[in-house]
Amino acid sequence: QVQLVESGGGLVQTGGSLRLSCAASGRTFSNYAMGWFRQAPGKEREIVAAINWDGESAYYADSVKGRFTISRDNLKNTVYLQMNSLKPEDTAVYYCAVSGHHSGSYYTTSYEYGYWGQGTQVTVSS
C-alpha cells in the first residue's frame, strides 16, 4: 500500500523558514516526478513546486520562486521543500504528491499525480 507522509509544518513568523519532508513508502518512486501543492482556506489547490525523477529539473510557482527550493533523495524515497522568507500568504495546508506514471519531466497539474499525502499545516503569522 502506497503511503506518503508529510512532516515539518508548523507556525512561523513572517520571514522565517520551514523545511517540509515527504516520505514515501509502499513502492519505489525514483522514476516518478514529485510535487508540492498547497491549499489555503476558500481557495483551490495550487502547485507550489515540482521536480523530475532525478532532481535535475524543477518548477516553481511565481509566488514562491527565489524563496522555496524543492529537492529529493531517491535513496530515502523522500522529497523536501525548503521554505525561506515566508509570508502570511504562504499560509495553507501543504500536500506532497507523486506522479502516477513514469516520466522524464515534472508535472504542474494535479491530475498528473496519482498519490497524495494527508497534508501538513503551515501558518505564517504577521
C-alpha atoms as a PDB file:
ATOM      1  CA  GLN A   1       0.000   0.000   0.000  1.00  0.00           C
ATOM      2  CA  VAL A   2       1.410   3.336  -1.066  1.00  0.00           C
ATOM      3  CA  GLN A   3       1.693   5.941   1.647  1.00  0.00           C
ATOM      4  CA  LEU A   4       3.042   9.494   1.634  1.00  0.00           C
ATOM      5  CA  VAL A   5       3.663  11.125   4.993  1.00  0.00           C
ATOM      6  CA  GLU A   6       4.424  14.843   5.236  1.00  0.00           C
ATOM      7  CA  SER A   7       6.144  16.451   8.191  1.00  0.00           C
ATOM      8  CA  GLY A   8       7.761  19.737   9.114  1.00  0.00           C
ATOM      9  CA  GLY A   9       4.794  22.069   9.074  1.00  0.00           C
ATOM     10  CA  GLY A  10       4.031  24.478  11.882  1.00  0.00           C
ATOM     11  CA  LEU A  11       3.679  28.068  12.959  1.00  0.00           C
ATOM     12  CA  VAL A  12       6.372  30.556  11.983  1.00  0.00           C
ATOM     13  CA  GLN A  13       6.699  34.325  11.893  1.00  0.00           C
ATOM     14  CA  THR A  14       6.971  36.346   8.706  1.00  0.00           C
ATOM     15  CA  GLY A  15      10.455  35.986   7.285  1.00  0.00           C
ATOM     16  CA  GLY A  16      11.038  32.659   8.951  1.00  0.00           C
ATOM     17  CA  SER A  17      11.847  29.277   7.435  1.00  0.00           C
ATOM     18  CA  LEU A  18      10.444  25.776   7.464  1.00  0.00           C
ATOM     19  CA  ARG A  19      11.508  22.551   5.801  1.00  0.00           C
ATOM     20  CA  LEU A  20       8.820  20.130   4.756  1.00  0.00           C
ATOM     21  CA  SER A  21       9.567  16.468   4.196  1.00  0.00           C
ATOM     22  CA  CYS A  22       7.505  13.816   2.482  1.00  0.00           C
ATOM     23  CA  ALA A  23       8.464  10.189   2.951  1.00  0.00           C
ATOM     24  CA  ALA A  24       7.022   7.665   0.533  1.00  0.00           C
ATOM     25  CA  SER A  25       6.558   4.000   1.315  1.00  0.00           C
ATOM     26  CA  GLY A  26       4.981   1.016  -0.329  1.00  0.00           C
ATOM     27  CA  ARG A  27       6.901   1.310  -3.563  1.00  0.00           C
ATOM     28  CA  THR A  28       9.958   2.985  -5.047  1.00  0.00           C
ATOM     29  CA  PHE A  29       9.340   6.384  -6.595  1.00  0.00           C
ATOM     30  CA  SER A  30      12.767   7.082  -8.025  1.00  0.00           C
ATOM     31  CA  ASN A  31      11.396   7.051 -11.603  1.00  0.00           C
ATOM     32  CA  TYR A  32       8.466   9.349 -10.887  1.00  0.00           C
ATOM     33  CA  ALA A  33       8.005  13.086 -10.703  1.00  0.00           C
ATOM     34  CA  MET A  34       7.105  14.525  -7.328  1.00  0.00           C
ATOM     35  CA  GLY A  35       5.495  17.776  -6.345  1.00  0.00           C
ATOM     36  CA  TRP A  36       4.229  20.019  -3.584  1.00  0.00           C
ATOM     37  CA  PHE A  37       0.812  21.641  -3.683  1.00  0.00           C
ATOM     38  CA  ARG A  38      -0.968  23.877  -1.215  1.00  0.00           C
ATOM     39  CA  GLN A  39      -4.500  24.851  -0.427  1.00  0.00           C
ATOM     40  CA  ALA A  40      -5.491  27.896   1.574  1.00  0.00           C
ATOM     41  CA  PRO A  41      -8.970  28.280   3.111  1.00  0.00           C
ATOM     42  CA  GLY A  42     -11.525  29.172   0.468  1.00  0.00           C
ATOM     43  CA  LYS A  43      -9.048  28.714  -2.373  1.00  0.00           C
ATOM     44  CA  GLU A  44      -8.322  25.984  -4.869  1.00  0.00           C
ATOM     45  CA  ARG A  45      -5.340  23.699  -4.525  1.00  0.00           C
ATOM     46  CA  GLU A  46      -2.343  25.095  -6.400  1.00  0.00           C
ATOM     47  CA  ILE A  47       1.043  23.848  -7.461  1.00  0.00           C
ATOM     48  CA  VAL A  48       3.954  25.158  -5.414  1.00  0.00           C
ATOM     49  CA  ALA A  49       6.904  23.249  -6.833  1.00  0.00           C
ATOM     50  CA  ALA A  50       7.638  20.095  -8.789  1.00  0.00           C
ATOM     51  CA  ILE A  51      10.727  18.049  -9.521  1.00  0.00           C
ATOM     52  CA  ASN A  52      11.539  15.423 -12.097  1.00  0.00           C
ATOM     53  CA  TRP A  53      12.623  11.889 -11.309  1.00  0.00           C
ATOM     54  CA  ASP A  54      16.356  12.548 -10.913  1.00  0.00           C
ATOM     55  CA  GLY A  55      16.142  16.025  -9.448  1.00  0.00           C
ATOM     56  CA  GLU A  56      17.776  17.662 -12.447  1.00  0.00           C
ATOM     57  CA  SER A  57      14.863  19.900 -13.332  1.00  0.00           C
ATOM     58  CA  ALA A  58      12.324  21.695 -11.196  1.00  0.00           C
ATOM     59  CA  TYR A  59       9.390  24.055 -11.473  1.00  0.00           C
ATOM     60  CA  TYR A  60       8.341  26.800  -9.075  1.00  0.00           C
ATOM     61  CA  ALA A  61       5.197  28.863  -8.958  1.00  0.00           C
ATOM     62  CA  ASP A  62       5.923  32.549  -9.467  1.00  0.00           C
ATOM     63  CA  SER A  63       4.728  33.294  -5.950  1.00  0.00           C
ATOM     64  CA  VAL A  64       7.482  31.180  -4.359  1.00  0.00           C
ATOM     65  CA  LYS A  65      10.295  31.499  -6.877  1.00  0.00           C
ATOM     66  CA  GLY A  66      13.527  32.513  -5.201  1.00  0.00           C
ATOM     67  CA  ARG A  67      12.211  31.636  -1.729  1.00  0.00           C
ATOM     68  CA  PHE A  68      11.381  27.919  -1.917  1.00  0.00           C
ATOM     69  CA  THR A  69      13.567  25.012  -3.016  1.00  0.00           C
ATOM     70  CA  ILE A  70      12.367  21.529  -3.860  1.00  0.00           C
ATOM     71  CA  SER A  71      14.735  18.589  -3.679  1.00  0.00           C
ATOM     72  CA  ARG A  72      14.592  14.834  -3.436  1.00  0.00           C
ATOM     73  CA  ASP A  73      16.594  11.925  -2.105  1.00  0.00           C
ATOM     74  CA  ASN A  74      15.723   8.821  -4.112  1.00  0.00           C
ATOM     75  CA  LEU A  75      17.652   6.549  -1.775  1.00  0.00           C
ATOM     76  CA  LYS A  76      15.337   7.670   1.022  1.00  0.00           C
ATOM     77  CA  ASN A  77      12.229   7.885  -1.192  1.00  0.00           C
ATOM     78  CA  THR A  78      11.764  11.399   0.170  1.00  0.00           C
ATOM     79  CA  VAL A  79      11.029  14.820  -1.284  1.00  0.00           C
ATOM     80  CA  TYR A  80      11.715  18.087   0.541  1.00  0.00           C
ATOM     81  CA  LEU A  81      10.506  21.651   0.340  1.00  0.00           C
ATOM     82  CA  GLN A  82      12.757  24.264   1.909  1.00  0.00           C
ATOM     83  CA  MET A  83      10.739  27.400   2.512  1.00  0.00           C
ATOM     84  CA  ASN A  84      12.533  30.647   3.310  1.00  0.00           C
ATOM     85  CA  SER A  85      11.362  34.238   3.714  1.00  0.00           C
ATOM     86  CA  LEU A  86       7.881  33.018   4.494  1.00  0.00           C
ATOM     87  CA  LYS A  87       4.958  35.387   4.104  1.00  0.00           C
ATOM     88  CA  PRO A  88       1.442  35.300   5.588  1.00  0.00           C
ATOM     89  CA  GLU A  89       0.089  34.469   2.136  1.00  0.00           C
ATOM     90  CA  ASP A  90       2.050  31.204   2.273  1.00  0.00           C
ATOM     91  CA  THR A  91      -0.317  30.008   4.976  1.00  0.00           C
ATOM     92  CA  ALA A  92      -2.008  26.838   3.733  1.00  0.00           C
ATOM     93  CA  VAL A  93      -2.149  23.078   4.012  1.00  0.00           C
ATOM     94  CA  TYR A  94       0.755  21.693   2.018  1.00  0.00           C
ATOM     95  CA  TYR A  95       0.455  18.370   0.211  1.00  0.00           C
ATOM     96  CA  CYS A  96       3.117  16.255  -1.420  1.00  0.00           C
ATOM     97  CA  ALA A  97       2.281  14.137  -4.425  1.00  0.00           C
ATOM     98  CA  VAL A  98       3.859  11.545  -6.665  1.00  0.00           C
ATOM     99  CA  SER A  99       3.029  11.182 -10.336  1.00  0.00           C
ATOM    100  CA  GLY A 100       1.004   8.210 -11.443  1.00  0.00           C
ATOM    101  CA  HIS A 101       3.286   7.226 -14.304  1.00  0.00           C
ATOM    102  CA  HIS A 102       6.898   7.211 -15.410  1.00  0.00           C
ATOM    103  CA  SER A 103       8.210  10.395 -16.949  1.00  0.00           C
ATOM    104  CA  GLY A 104      11.437  12.230 -17.537  1.00  0.00           C
ATOM    105  CA  SER A 105       9.866  15.573 -16.713  1.00  0.00           C
ATOM    106  CA  TYR A 106       7.930  17.140 -13.873  1.00  0.00           C
ATOM    107  CA  TYR A 107       4.215  17.911 -13.834  1.00  0.00           C
ATOM    108  CA  THR A 108       2.425  21.063 -12.758  1.00  0.00           C
ATOM    109  CA  THR A 109      -1.193  19.940 -12.802  1.00  0.00           C
ATOM    110  CA  SER A 110      -2.798  17.914 -10.053  1.00  0.00           C
ATOM    111  CA  TYR A 111      -4.393  15.348 -12.358  1.00  0.00           C
ATOM    112  CA  GLU A 112      -0.930  14.071 -13.318  1.00  0.00           C
ATOM    113  CA  TYR A 113      -0.351  12.930  -9.756  1.00  0.00           C
ATOM    114  CA  GLY A 114      -1.657   9.591  -8.584  1.00  0.00           C
ATOM    115  CA  TYR A 115      -0.609   9.548  -4.939  1.00  0.00           C
ATOM    116  CA  TRP A 116      -1.142  12.214  -2.300  1.00  0.00           C
ATOM    117  CA  GLY A 117      -0.140  12.775   1.286  1.00  0.00           C
ATOM    118  CA  GLN A 118      -2.537  13.803   4.021  1.00  0.00           C
ATOM    119  CA  GLY A 119      -1.218  17.357   4.189  1.00  0.00           C
ATOM    120  CA  THR A 120       0.651  19.417   6.762  1.00  0.00           C
ATOM    121  CA  GLN A 121      -0.421  22.844   8.005  1.00  0.00           C
ATOM    122  CA  VAL A 122       1.880  25.811   7.523  1.00  0.00           C
ATOM    123  CA  THR A 123       0.871  29.017   9.262  1.00  0.00           C
ATOM    124  CA  VAL A 124       2.833  32.234   8.864  1.00  0.00           C
ATOM    125  CA  SER A 125       1.986  34.970  11.344  1.00  0.00           C
ATOM    126  CA  SER A 126       2.379  38.639  10.504  1.00  0.00           C
END
